[in-house]
Protein backbone atom coordinates (compact mmCIF):
# COMPACT_ATOMS: atom_id res chain seq x y z
CA MET A 1 10.31 32.56 111.15
CA SER A 2 6.60 31.93 111.38
CA ASN A 3 4.42 31.80 108.32
CA GLN A 4 2.76 35.07 109.29
CA ASP A 5 6.10 36.85 109.60
CA PHE A 6 7.20 35.39 106.26
CA VAL A 7 4.06 36.59 104.49
CA ARG A 8 4.35 40.02 106.16
CA ARG A 9 7.93 40.37 104.93
CA LEU A 10 6.92 39.38 101.41
CA ARG A 11 4.19 41.99 101.41
CA THR A 12 6.42 44.82 102.61
CA SER A 13 9.87 44.16 101.14
CA GLY A 14 9.34 41.73 98.28
CA GLY A 15 12.45 39.77 97.37
CA PRO A 16 13.21 36.65 95.33
CA SER A 17 10.30 34.71 96.78
CA HIS A 18 7.94 37.52 95.85
CA ASP A 19 9.34 37.44 92.31
CA LEU A 20 8.28 33.78 92.08
CA LEU A 21 4.74 34.76 93.06
CA VAL A 22 4.68 37.43 90.34
CA LEU A 23 5.87 34.91 87.73
CA LEU A 24 3.16 32.47 88.72
CA ASP A 25 0.57 35.24 88.66
CA THR A 26 1.64 36.11 85.10
CA HIS A 27 2.02 32.61 83.67
CA ARG A 28 -0.48 30.70 85.81
CA VAL A 29 1.54 27.46 85.86
CA LEU A 30 5.32 26.94 85.69
CA THR A 31 7.57 24.02 86.57
CA THR A 32 10.40 24.22 89.07
CA ASN A 33 12.94 24.16 86.26
CA GLN A 34 11.12 26.91 84.35
CA LEU A 35 11.07 29.12 87.42
CA ALA A 36 14.77 28.57 87.92
CA ARG A 37 15.48 29.55 84.30
CA ALA A 38 13.18 32.55 84.56
CA THR A 39 14.88 33.90 87.69
CA GLY A 40 18.43 32.77 86.94
CA ALA A 41 18.72 31.16 90.38
CA PRO A 42 19.94 27.56 91.05
CA VAL A 43 17.25 24.88 90.98
CA ARG A 44 17.96 23.91 94.60
CA THR A 45 17.51 27.51 95.77
CA VAL A 46 14.30 27.89 93.80
CA ARG A 47 12.97 24.60 95.15
CA HIS A 48 13.65 25.76 98.71
CA ARG A 49 11.83 29.04 98.15
CA LEU A 50 8.88 27.28 96.54
CA ASP A 51 8.57 24.89 99.47
CA ARG A 52 8.58 27.87 101.84
CA LEU A 53 5.84 29.57 99.85
CA ARG A 54 3.85 26.37 99.76
CA THR A 55 4.16 25.97 103.54
CA ALA A 56 2.83 29.53 103.90
CA GLY A 57 -0.23 28.52 101.87
CA LEU A 58 0.53 30.92 98.99
CA ILE A 59 1.17 28.40 96.20
CA ASP A 60 0.65 24.75 95.52
CA ALA A 61 2.05 22.14 93.14
CA VAL A 62 0.86 19.14 91.22
CA ARG A 63 2.54 16.42 89.17
CA PRO A 64 0.27 15.79 86.16
CA GLY A 65 -0.68 12.15 85.93
CA ARG A 66 1.34 11.15 88.96
CA GLU A 67 2.04 12.39 92.44
CA SER A 68 5.34 10.59 93.02
CA GLY A 69 8.50 9.80 91.08
CA SER A 70 10.63 12.11 88.95
CA ALA A 71 7.86 14.01 87.12
CA PRO A 72 8.40 17.78 87.53
CA ARG A 73 6.27 19.75 89.89
CA HIS A 74 3.97 22.28 88.25
CA TRP A 75 3.40 25.26 90.52
CA TRP A 76 0.33 27.44 90.61
CA LEU A 77 -0.86 30.39 92.70
CA ARG A 78 -3.47 29.97 95.38
CA THR A 79 -6.02 32.63 96.29
CA THR A 80 -3.96 33.90 99.20
CA GLY A 81 -0.91 34.23 96.94
CA ALA A 82 -2.90 36.03 94.27
CA ARG A 83 -4.24 38.43 96.91
CA LEU A 84 -0.71 39.17 98.09
CA VAL A 85 0.52 39.89 94.54
CA SER A 86 -2.43 42.07 93.60
CA GLY A 87 -2.40 43.98 96.88
CA THR A 88 -6.18 43.92 97.16
CA ALA A 89 -8.55 41.96 99.27
CA ALA A 90 -10.43 40.70 96.22
CA ALA A 91 -8.07 38.70 94.02
CA PRO A 92 -8.93 36.27 91.20
CA GLY A 93 -9.71 32.89 92.66
CA ARG A 94 -7.44 29.93 92.06
CA GLN A 95 -8.67 26.36 91.91
CA ARG A 96 -6.58 23.25 91.72
CA PRO A 97 -5.87 22.91 87.99
CA SER A 98 -6.51 19.75 86.05
CA GLY A 99 -3.66 17.73 84.63
CA LEU A 100 -4.44 18.78 81.07
CA HIS A 101 -4.56 22.45 82.02
CA VAL A 102 -1.27 22.16 83.89
CA ALA A 103 0.50 20.60 80.91
CA HIS A 104 -1.00 23.19 78.55
CA ALA A 105 -0.01 26.14 80.75
CA ALA A 106 3.50 24.80 81.26
CA THR A 107 3.93 24.48 77.49
CA ILE A 108 2.90 28.11 77.06
CA GLY A 109 5.48 29.02 79.71
CA GLU A 110 8.11 27.05 77.83
CA MET A 111 7.34 29.03 74.66
CA TRP A 112 7.77 32.26 76.63
CA LEU A 113 11.17 31.14 77.90
CA ALA A 114 12.21 30.03 74.41
CA VAL A 115 11.41 33.45 72.92
CA ARG A 116 13.02 35.29 75.82
CA ASP A 117 16.21 33.26 75.99
CA HIS A 118 16.78 32.19 72.37
CA GLY A 119 15.02 34.96 70.44
CA PRO A 120 17.92 37.50 70.55
CA ALA A 121 20.22 35.12 68.68
CA ALA A 122 17.59 34.91 65.89
CA GLY A 123 16.89 38.65 65.82
CA LEU A 124 13.91 38.69 68.20
CA VAL A 125 14.00 40.61 71.48
CA LEU A 126 10.96 39.99 73.68
CA ARG A 127 9.32 43.19 74.89
CA LYS A 128 6.03 41.92 76.31
CA TRP A 129 4.27 38.61 76.86
CA TRP A 130 0.68 37.97 77.89
CA SER A 131 -0.45 34.47 78.89
CA ASP A 132 -3.96 33.11 78.99
CA ARG A 133 -6.63 35.70 79.90
CA ALA A 134 -4.16 38.59 79.94
CA GLY A 135 -3.81 38.20 76.17
CA TRP A 136 -7.49 37.81 75.35
CA GLN A 137 -9.05 40.38 73.02
CA ALA A 138 -12.59 41.77 73.12
CA TRP A 139 -14.06 44.03 70.45
CA GLU A 140 -17.37 45.20 69.08
CA THR A 141 -18.29 44.13 65.59
CA ARG A 142 -21.09 45.24 63.31
CA SER A 143 -22.43 42.43 61.18
CA PRO A 144 -25.20 43.05 58.61
CA GLY A 145 -28.53 42.33 60.21
CA TRP A 146 -27.10 41.73 63.69
CA GLY A 147 -26.20 45.23 64.84
CA THR A 148 -23.41 45.76 67.35
CA ARG A 149 -22.21 42.83 69.40
CA THR A 150 -19.14 42.01 71.46
CA ARG A 151 -16.83 39.27 70.24
CA ARG A 152 -13.90 37.71 71.99
CA LEU A 153 -10.61 36.27 70.84
CA THR A 154 -8.89 33.88 73.28
CA PRO A 155 -5.28 33.20 72.25
CA ASP A 156 -3.16 31.12 74.61
CA ALA A 157 -0.57 33.89 74.53
CA ALA A 158 0.23 37.19 72.86
CA LEU A 159 3.69 38.60 72.39
CA VAL A 160 5.43 41.76 71.22
CA VAL A 161 9.04 41.59 70.04
CA ASP A 162 11.64 43.86 68.48
CA VAL A 163 12.67 42.35 65.15
CA ASP A 164 15.95 42.72 63.29
CA HIS A 165 15.98 40.36 60.32
CA ASP A 166 17.25 40.65 56.77
CA GLY A 167 17.36 44.43 56.80
CA VAL A 168 13.92 44.81 58.39
CA THR A 169 13.74 46.34 61.84
CA GLY A 170 10.71 47.21 63.90
CA THR A 171 8.21 45.98 66.44
CA ALA A 172 6.03 42.97 65.72
CA ALA A 173 3.20 41.16 67.49
CA ALA A 174 1.77 37.65 67.26
CA PHE A 175 -0.91 35.42 68.79
CA VAL A 176 0.14 31.95 69.95
CA GLU A 177 -2.11 28.88 70.11
CA VAL A 178 -0.83 25.70 71.76
CA ASP A 179 -2.34 22.36 70.71
CA LEU A 180 -1.33 19.19 72.54
CA ALA A 181 -3.41 17.08 70.11
CA THR A 182 -6.42 17.61 72.36
CA MET A 183 -8.38 19.94 70.06
CA THR A 184 -10.35 18.61 67.14
CA GLN A 185 -9.88 20.09 63.69
CA ALA A 186 -13.38 21.55 63.97
CA VAL A 187 -12.34 23.47 67.09
CA LEU A 188 -9.20 24.71 65.31
CA ARG A 189 -11.26 25.85 62.31
CA ASP A 190 -13.58 27.74 64.64
CA LYS A 191 -10.56 29.51 66.11
CA VAL A 192 -9.44 30.58 62.64
CA THR A 193 -12.95 31.94 61.98
CA ARG A 194 -12.69 34.19 65.05
CA TYR A 195 -9.20 35.35 64.08
CA LEU A 196 -10.47 36.20 60.59
CA ALA A 197 -13.32 38.24 62.09
CA TYR A 198 -10.81 40.04 64.32
CA ALA A 199 -8.69 40.92 61.28
CA ALA A 200 -11.68 41.88 59.10
CA ASP A 201 -13.00 44.28 61.77
CA ARG A 202 -9.50 45.77 62.11
CA ALA A 203 -9.88 45.34 65.85
CA TRP A 204 -6.09 45.17 66.13
CA GLN A 205 -5.70 48.84 65.25
CA ASP A 206 -4.48 51.07 68.10
CA ARG A 207 -3.58 47.91 70.02
CA TRP A 208 -0.87 46.22 67.98
CA PRO A 209 1.72 47.50 65.50
CA HIS A 210 0.10 45.40 62.73
CA CYS A 211 -2.42 42.62 62.28
CA PRO A 212 -0.85 39.88 64.48
CA PRO A 213 -0.37 36.52 62.75
CA LEU A 214 -1.77 33.31 64.23
CA LEU A 215 1.00 30.89 65.23
CA LEU A 216 -0.13 27.33 66.03
CA LEU A 217 2.24 25.05 67.93
CA THR A 218 1.04 21.47 67.63
CA THR A 219 2.44 17.99 68.07
CA THR A 220 3.44 16.92 64.53
CA ASP A 221 4.01 18.41 61.10
CA ALA A 222 1.25 16.20 59.73
CA ARG A 223 -1.24 17.68 62.18
CA ALA A 224 0.03 21.19 61.33
CA ALA A 225 -0.42 20.51 57.60
CA THR A 226 -3.96 19.23 58.14
CA PHE A 227 -4.82 22.37 60.09
CA LEU A 228 -3.34 24.63 57.39
CA ALA A 229 -5.19 22.83 54.60
CA ALA A 230 -8.49 23.71 56.26
CA ALA A 231 -7.31 27.21 57.18
CA SER A 232 -6.29 27.96 53.58
CA LYS A 233 -9.90 27.43 52.44
CA GLN A 234 -11.14 29.83 55.12
CA LEU A 235 -8.49 32.40 54.17
CA ALA A 236 -9.40 32.14 50.48
CA ALA A 237 -13.09 32.66 51.28
CA ALA A 238 -12.22 35.71 53.39
CA ARG A 239 -10.19 37.16 50.53
CA ARG A 240 -13.15 36.74 48.18
CA ASP A 241 -15.50 38.43 50.67
CA HIS A 242 -13.14 41.36 51.09
CA GLN A 243 -11.87 41.69 47.55
CA ALA A 244 -9.55 44.69 47.26
CA GLY A 245 -9.83 47.23 44.50
CA GLY A 246 -7.32 47.71 41.74
CA GLY A 247 -3.92 49.26 42.06
CA GLN A 248 -0.79 48.50 44.03
CA ALA A 249 -1.93 50.59 46.98
CA TRP A 250 -5.05 48.49 47.42
CA ARG A 251 -3.06 45.28 47.17
CA ASP A 252 -0.48 46.45 49.73
CA ILE A 253 -3.18 47.54 52.18
CA ALA A 254 -5.11 44.28 51.73
CA ASP A 255 -1.92 42.31 52.34
CA ALA A 256 -1.20 44.20 55.58
CA ASN A 257 -4.79 43.79 56.82
CA SER A 258 -5.04 40.09 56.03
CA LEU A 259 -4.56 37.39 58.63
CA VAL A 260 -1.39 35.31 58.31
CA VAL A 261 -1.60 31.77 59.68
CA ALA A 262 1.42 29.52 60.31
CA ALA A 263 1.86 26.24 62.13
CA CYS A 264 4.64 23.89 63.18
CA GLY A 265 4.83 20.53 64.95
CA LEU A 266 7.32 21.52 67.64
CA VAL A 267 5.07 22.05 70.63
CA ARG A 268 7.34 19.68 72.62
CA ASP A 269 10.41 21.68 71.65
CA PRO A 270 9.51 25.39 71.41
CA THR A 271 13.16 26.40 71.32
CA ALA A 272 13.53 24.79 67.89
CA ALA A 273 10.56 26.86 66.67
CA ILE A 274 12.32 30.19 67.26
CA GLY A 275 15.11 30.54 64.74
CA GLY A 276 14.88 27.81 62.12
CA PRO A 277 12.66 27.59 58.99
CA VAL A 278 10.11 25.29 60.58
CA TRP A 279 6.82 27.15 60.16
CA LEU A 280 4.43 25.89 57.51
CA LEU A 281 2.21 28.36 55.63
CA PRO A 282 -1.08 27.77 53.77
CA ASP A 283 -0.64 26.88 50.07
CA ARG A 284 3.14 26.69 50.53
CA ALA A 285 3.68 23.06 51.43
CA ALA A 286 7.18 23.00 49.99
CA ALA A 287 8.33 26.20 51.71
CA ARG A 288 8.99 26.81 55.36
CA ALA A 289 9.58 30.13 57.06
CA SER A 290 11.36 31.07 60.24
CA LEU A 291 9.63 33.05 62.97
CA PRO A 292 11.87 36.13 62.39
CA GLN A 293 11.08 35.92 58.66
CA LEU A 294 7.34 35.74 59.35
CA LEU A 295 7.35 38.71 61.70
CA ALA A 296 9.69 40.77 59.51
CA GLY A 297 7.30 40.15 56.62
CA ARG A 298 4.42 41.52 58.69
CA ILE A 299 6.45 44.61 59.61
CA ALA A 300 7.37 45.23 55.96
CA ALA A 301 3.74 44.77 54.86
CA GLU A 302 2.54 47.26 57.46
CA VAL A 303 5.23 49.75 56.41
CA ARG A 304 4.04 49.52 52.80
CA ALA A 305 0.42 49.96 53.83
CA GLN A 306 1.27 52.83 56.18
CA HIS A 307 3.04 54.56 53.32
CA HIS A 308 -0.20 54.50 51.34
CA TYR A 309 -2.21 55.60 54.39
CA ASP A 310 0.20 58.49 54.92
CA GLN A 311 -0.07 59.46 51.26
CA ALA A 312 -3.87 59.38 51.45
CA ALA A 313 -3.89 61.39 54.69
CA SER A 314 -1.43 63.88 53.23
CA GLY A 315 -3.55 64.20 50.09
CA ALA A 316 -6.71 64.72 52.14
CA ASP A 317 -4.98 67.33 54.28
CA ARG A 318 -3.66 69.05 51.16
CA ARG A 319 -7.13 69.11 49.59
CA ASP A 320 -8.60 70.52 52.79
CA ARG A 321 -5.98 73.28 52.94
CA ILE A 322 -6.52 74.13 49.27
CA ASN A 323 -10.27 74.34 49.91
CA GLN A 324 -9.58 76.72 52.79
CA LEU A 325 -7.46 78.85 50.46
CA GLY A 326 -10.41 78.90 48.08
CA THR A 327 -12.64 80.10 50.91
CA ILE A 328 -10.18 82.89 51.69
CA ARG A 329 -10.01 83.79 48.02
CA ASP A 330 -13.80 84.02 47.82
CA ALA A 331 -13.74 86.38 50.82
CA ALA A 332 -11.12 88.67 49.26
CA ASP A 333 -12.94 91.90 50.14
CA GLU A 334 -13.47 90.81 53.74
CA VAL A 335 -9.81 89.79 54.02
CA ALA A 336 -8.69 93.18 52.73
CA ARG A 337 -10.99 94.89 55.23
CA LEU A 338 -9.84 92.80 58.19
CA LEU A 339 -6.18 93.37 57.34
CA ASN A 340 -6.78 97.00 56.29
CA ILE A 341 -4.76 96.44 53.12
CA PRO A 342 -6.88 97.17 50.00
CA ALA A 343 -4.23 95.77 47.64
CA VAL A 344 -4.75 92.33 49.19
CA ALA A 345 -8.13 92.06 47.45
CA HIS A 346 -6.40 92.42 44.07
CA LEU A 347 -3.91 89.70 44.99
CA LEU A 348 -6.55 87.23 46.15
CA ALA A 349 -8.67 87.91 43.06
CA ARG A 350 -5.82 86.44 40.99
CA TRP A 351 -5.83 83.18 42.98
CA TYR A 352 -7.88 81.17 40.51
CA PRO A 353 -9.07 77.71 41.59
CA ALA A 354 -6.75 76.05 39.06
CA THR A 355 -3.71 77.87 40.49
CA LEU A 356 -4.40 77.18 44.18
CA PRO A 357 -2.64 73.76 44.23
CA ASP A 358 0.57 75.31 42.87
CA LEU A 359 0.29 78.18 45.33
CA HIS A 360 -0.10 75.69 48.18
CA ASP A 361 2.89 73.59 47.12
CA GLN A 362 5.24 76.44 46.20
CA ASN A 363 4.52 78.83 49.09
CA PRO A 364 4.09 76.68 52.22
CA GLU A 365 5.12 79.44 54.64
CA LEU A 366 2.60 81.90 53.20
CA VAL A 367 -0.15 79.27 53.24
CA ASP A 368 0.62 78.24 56.85
CA THR A 369 0.57 81.87 57.99
CA LEU A 370 -2.66 82.63 56.16
CA LEU A 371 -4.53 79.53 57.33
CA ALA A 372 -3.41 80.04 60.93
CA TRP A 373 -4.78 83.57 60.85
CA TRP A 374 -8.01 82.54 59.12
CA ALA A 375 -8.65 80.00 61.87
CA ASN A 376 -8.14 82.65 64.58
CA ARG A 377 -8.83 86.04 63.04
CA ASP A 378 -9.13 87.75 66.42
CA ASP A 379 -5.46 87.21 67.24
CA PRO A 380 -3.65 90.53 66.56
CA HIS A 381 -0.27 88.81 66.23
CA LEU A 382 -1.56 86.42 63.57
CA THR A 383 -3.30 89.32 61.87
CA ARG A 384 -0.04 91.24 61.59
CA GLN A 385 1.74 88.17 60.29
CA ALA A 386 -0.93 87.52 57.67
CA GLY A 387 -0.96 91.15 56.56
CA THR A 388 2.82 91.26 56.21
CA ALA A 389 2.91 87.94 54.35
CA LEU A 390 0.19 88.93 51.88
CA LEU A 391 1.65 92.38 51.34
CA ASP A 392 5.06 90.85 50.64
CA ARG A 393 3.44 88.40 48.26
CA HIS A 394 1.60 91.24 46.50
CA THR A 395 4.86 93.16 46.15
CA ASP A 396 6.62 90.13 44.66
CA VAL A 397 3.83 89.51 42.16
CA TRP A 398 3.57 93.19 41.21
CA THR A 399 7.35 93.45 40.76
CA GLU A 400 7.43 90.38 38.52
CA GLN A 401 4.55 91.66 36.40
CA ALA A 402 6.04 95.17 36.14
CA GLU A 403 9.34 93.75 34.89
CA GLN A 404 7.51 91.68 32.31
CA LEU A 405 5.59 94.77 31.18
CA LEU A 406 8.78 96.82 30.76
CA THR A 407 10.34 93.99 28.80
CA ALA A 408 7.28 93.87 26.51
CA ALA A 409 7.47 97.63 26.02
CA ASP A 410 11.12 97.36 24.96
CA ARG A 411 10.38 94.47 22.65
CA HIS A 412 7.06 95.31 21.00
CA GLY A 413 6.66 99.07 21.38
CA ASP A 414 3.40 100.89 22.04
CA HIS A 415 0.15 99.00 21.62
CA LEU A 416 -3.24 98.78 23.27
CA ARG A 417 -2.55 95.75 25.47
CA LEU A 418 0.58 97.41 26.81
CA ARG A 419 -1.37 100.55 27.72
CA VAL A 420 -4.10 98.56 29.44
CA ALA A 421 -1.49 96.62 31.46
CA ALA A 422 0.37 99.81 32.39
CA ALA A 423 -2.87 101.47 33.49
CA THR A 424 -3.73 98.41 35.61
CA LEU A 425 -0.38 98.28 37.41
CA THR A 426 -0.53 101.98 38.25
CA ASN A 427 -4.06 101.82 39.60
CA GLY A 428 -3.99 101.34 43.38
CA GLY A 429 -2.23 98.01 43.63
CA GLN A 430 -4.15 96.19 40.91
CA LEU A 431 -2.50 93.20 39.26
CA LEU A 432 -2.65 91.69 35.80
CA ASP A 433 -4.56 88.50 35.24
CA SER A 434 -3.07 85.53 33.41
CA ARG A 435 -4.71 86.48 30.09
CA MET A 436 -3.24 89.97 30.16
CA LEU A 437 0.20 88.56 30.97
CA ASP A 438 0.02 86.10 28.10
CA GLU A 439 -1.01 88.83 25.68
CA LEU A 440 1.96 90.98 26.74
CA HIS A 441 4.36 88.36 25.42
CA GLN A 442 2.66 88.16 22.03
CA PRO A 443 3.53 90.66 19.28
CA PRO A 444 0.58 93.00 18.61
CA SER A 445 -1.26 92.90 15.32
CA ARG A 446 -1.38 96.73 15.23
CA SER A 447 0.49 99.47 17.02
CA TRP A 448 -1.27 102.12 19.09
CA ALA A 449 -0.72 104.69 16.33
CA GLN A 450 -2.36 102.41 13.77
CA VAL A 451 -5.38 101.84 15.99
CA GLN A 452 -5.66 105.58 16.62
CA ALA A 453 -5.51 106.36 12.92
CA ALA A 454 -8.21 103.81 12.16
CA ALA A 455 -10.40 105.12 14.99
CA ILE A 456 -10.67 108.61 13.47
CA GLU A 457 -10.38 107.64 9.81
CA GLY A 458 -12.53 110.06 7.78
CA TYR A 459 -13.34 112.20 10.80
CA PRO A 460 -10.87 115.08 10.07
CA THR A 461 -12.20 115.54 6.52
CA ALA A 462 -15.83 115.47 7.60
CA ARG A 463 -15.05 117.80 10.48
CA ASP A 464 -13.20 120.28 8.27
CA ASP A 465 -16.07 120.31 5.77
CA GLU A 466 -18.61 120.94 8.49
CA VAL A 467 -16.46 123.61 10.16
CA THR A 468 -16.07 125.38 6.82
CA ALA A 469 -19.81 125.25 6.19
CA VAL A 470 -20.60 126.54 9.68
CA ARG A 471 -18.17 129.44 9.31
CA ALA A 472 -19.60 130.30 5.93
CA HIS A 473 -23.06 130.66 7.43
CA LEU A 474 -21.89 133.00 10.15
CA ALA A 475 -22.64 136.72 9.90
CA TRP A 476 -19.81 138.93 8.66
CA ARG A 477 -19.02 140.32 12.11
CA ALA A 478 -19.17 136.83 13.78
CA ARG A 479 -17.01 135.35 11.05
CA ARG A 480 -14.34 137.99 11.69
CA ARG A 481 -14.33 137.12 15.44
CA THR A 482 -14.30 133.32 14.97
CA THR A 483 -11.32 131.38 13.71
CA ILE A 484 -11.22 127.97 12.08
CA ASP A 485 -9.25 126.61 15.05
CA GLN A 486 -11.96 127.72 17.45
CA LEU A 487 -14.66 126.03 15.42
CA THR A 488 -12.52 122.92 15.05
CA ALA A 489 -11.89 122.72 18.81
CA GLU A 490 -15.59 123.25 19.51
CA HIS A 491 -16.49 120.52 17.01
CA ASP A 492 -14.00 118.11 18.62
CA ARG A 493 -15.40 118.79 22.10
CA GLU A 494 -18.86 118.02 20.84
CA HIS A 495 -18.11 114.98 18.68
CA LEU A 496 -15.08 113.18 20.24
CA LEU A 497 -14.46 110.89 23.21
CA ILE A 498 -11.17 109.75 24.67
CA CYS A 499 -10.50 106.49 26.62
CA ASP A 500 -9.02 107.04 30.08
CA THR A 501 -6.98 103.84 29.74
CA CYS A 502 -5.68 103.44 26.21
CA ALA A 503 -6.02 107.18 25.28
CA ILE A 504 -7.61 106.35 21.92
CA THR A 505 -9.66 109.28 20.59
CA TYR A 506 -12.76 108.33 18.57
CA PRO A 507 -16.06 109.92 17.41
CA ARG A 508 -19.09 109.82 19.63
CA PRO A 509 -21.48 107.08 18.49
CA ASP A 510 -24.80 107.87 16.93
CA PRO A 511 -27.41 107.43 19.72
CA GLN A 512 -29.67 105.80 17.15
CA GLY A 513 -26.95 103.65 15.59
CA GLU A 514 -25.86 100.10 16.27
CA HIS A 515 -22.77 101.25 18.21
CA TRP A 516 -24.62 103.58 20.56
CA ARG A 517 -23.06 101.86 23.60
CA ASP A 518 -19.57 102.95 22.57
CA ASP A 519 -19.93 105.94 24.85
CA GLU A 520 -20.20 103.58 27.87
CA ALA A 521 -17.08 101.45 27.30
CA CYS A 522 -14.09 101.89 25.04
CA PRO A 523 -14.67 99.92 21.80
CA HIS A 524 -10.91 99.58 21.26
CA CYS A 525 -9.36 98.32 24.50
CA HIS A 526 -12.72 97.17 25.97
CA THR A 527 -11.38 98.12 29.40
CA GLY A 528 -11.29 101.86 29.85
CA THR A 529 -14.04 104.38 30.38
CA PRO A 530 -14.70 107.04 27.68
CA LEU A 531 -14.23 110.65 28.80
CA PRO A 532 -15.35 113.90 27.13
CA TYR A 533 -12.65 115.13 24.81
CA GLU A 534 -12.10 118.32 26.80
CA ARG A 535 -10.80 116.14 29.67
CA ARG A 536 -8.02 114.63 27.60
CA ASP A 537 -5.40 116.35 29.74
CA GLN A 538 -6.49 114.12 32.65
CA VAL A 539 -5.54 110.93 30.77
CA ALA A 540 -2.03 109.77 31.71
CA THR A 541 0.32 109.08 28.85
CA LEU A 542 2.14 105.78 28.44
CA ASP A 543 5.45 107.46 29.25
CA GLN A 544 4.02 108.78 32.50
CA ARG A 545 2.77 105.36 33.53
CA LEU A 546 6.01 103.59 32.61
CA THR A 547 7.96 106.22 34.55
CA ALA A 548 5.75 105.66 37.60
CA ILE A 549 6.26 101.90 37.31
CA ARG A 550 10.04 102.28 37.15
CA ALA A 551 10.02 104.58 40.16
CA HIS A 552 7.98 102.11 42.18
CA LEU A 553 10.20 99.23 41.10
CA HIS A 554 13.25 101.17 42.28
CA ALA A 555 11.51 101.84 45.60
CA VAL A 556 10.68 98.18 46.32
CA SER A 557 13.88 96.78 44.77
CA PRO A 558 16.63 99.41 44.49
CA SER A 559 18.36 97.82 41.51
CA PRO A 560 19.08 99.66 38.25
CA PRO A 561 15.72 100.15 36.44
CA ARG A 562 15.15 99.08 32.89
CA GLY A 563 15.69 101.43 29.96
CA PRO A 564 12.77 103.55 28.77
CA GLY A 565 10.17 101.88 26.64
CA ARG A 566 9.17 103.56 23.42
CA SER A 567 5.92 105.49 23.39
CA ALA A 568 3.91 107.07 20.58
CA GLU A 569 2.29 109.64 22.86
């Protein structure tokens, strides 16, 4: 088969040889042995396929430091191979890599294989791996005095794994840096500075499940410890610059957002870096952590922080909904008009700001229905739902208050507060406020009869004296036609008022006296409106109002009504 036919077949049907091209496109440089492990094919078969691809001009190989002997071949993708994999005419160019780059890239590939093949036994299942430029991160940062600028993070690799370790399960991410003792400590410190900026700007959000830790694979533990000693100073300075506030929530969030740095000296043996406690941490020279332990710790930290974020978001949403309820309450008259239910205005008027949180928490279905309608008041279906929900709520509240009133009537008898409450509940769907309810449960200082007696104390005697004097001054014929009862009734019509709520009868105030306003509002219950005494038949008695309340209770809840309350009418 000619090279052209071979390339044409690769482009149309793929196959094992095409899989090798994809691996080289992803990992840049891999050895023959690494490619065999990655594909699961025998080394001899892989070598044959690589030679065929090389003959076709799609890939090339180099032996770092030597071109003969037993050193492994390191394979890389040429421009024609990259174009075939990408399927476009313009593919990233490939130049012959240097020996140092080849060794570095092959080490990154070895770490990928170690995580893929040996991670599951340690509780790590590789989901995604990005090598070289594929894992680089770019973000915009705002620094004081510098405005917006683009920064770049260039890890050697980035990985995402599923973690199952010590009771912690979840998805974790990490950045990998490979050091073959070619980078100075100054270069390594500069890398940590960029990682700290990435974490401080929270550029990892919406990209990774948490702030990815920095994992440095270097040549020796001594070199790893030197790196961590310098990194610990940078981490401490970053903590001071971003000091968290007080409270456990702040500490948990700061822990989740902070950069974790770990290093080990196993760059020549990445497999040993997967499961064992080999990773050194800053300020913990005596302690070593395993990679699953590190990543599980990051998952747990993010879970704790997310719990606080969720609580804060839930609290903000709750406050917003309560504020919307307050807006609806303030528009009670408009709500009643839109729903065409006048009683709704009385219900909403009892939704005091201090009670709205309890209403929100205890009646979620009502609140959801009401807020949905308020957001779309033109929807007839939502309007019906809101009207039904509010009317049901009004009925429940009225029923509860009516039962409390009947209980108070049985317990304390007739008194002014009871009459005011009864008049309220029988007046077009009105409801009692919290003060009136509290007063119902308190024994009255005076009964209605005592208040009535005090209201007209001295009046009958003065009236009788005046009636007698008036009759005495009448002419003989007029006196024969006029009875004492007639004069008494006429005197009462002229000098008495009666409250339309509490039914207390009291003398009209002196227009020139200090109580001249007592003809505008009842001085006894401070609620009702005074009526002329001749209209006393229009004032409902307590028995009439209690009977109406019982009848309505039976209509909305057909259970046996309470026994009759005593009345002094």
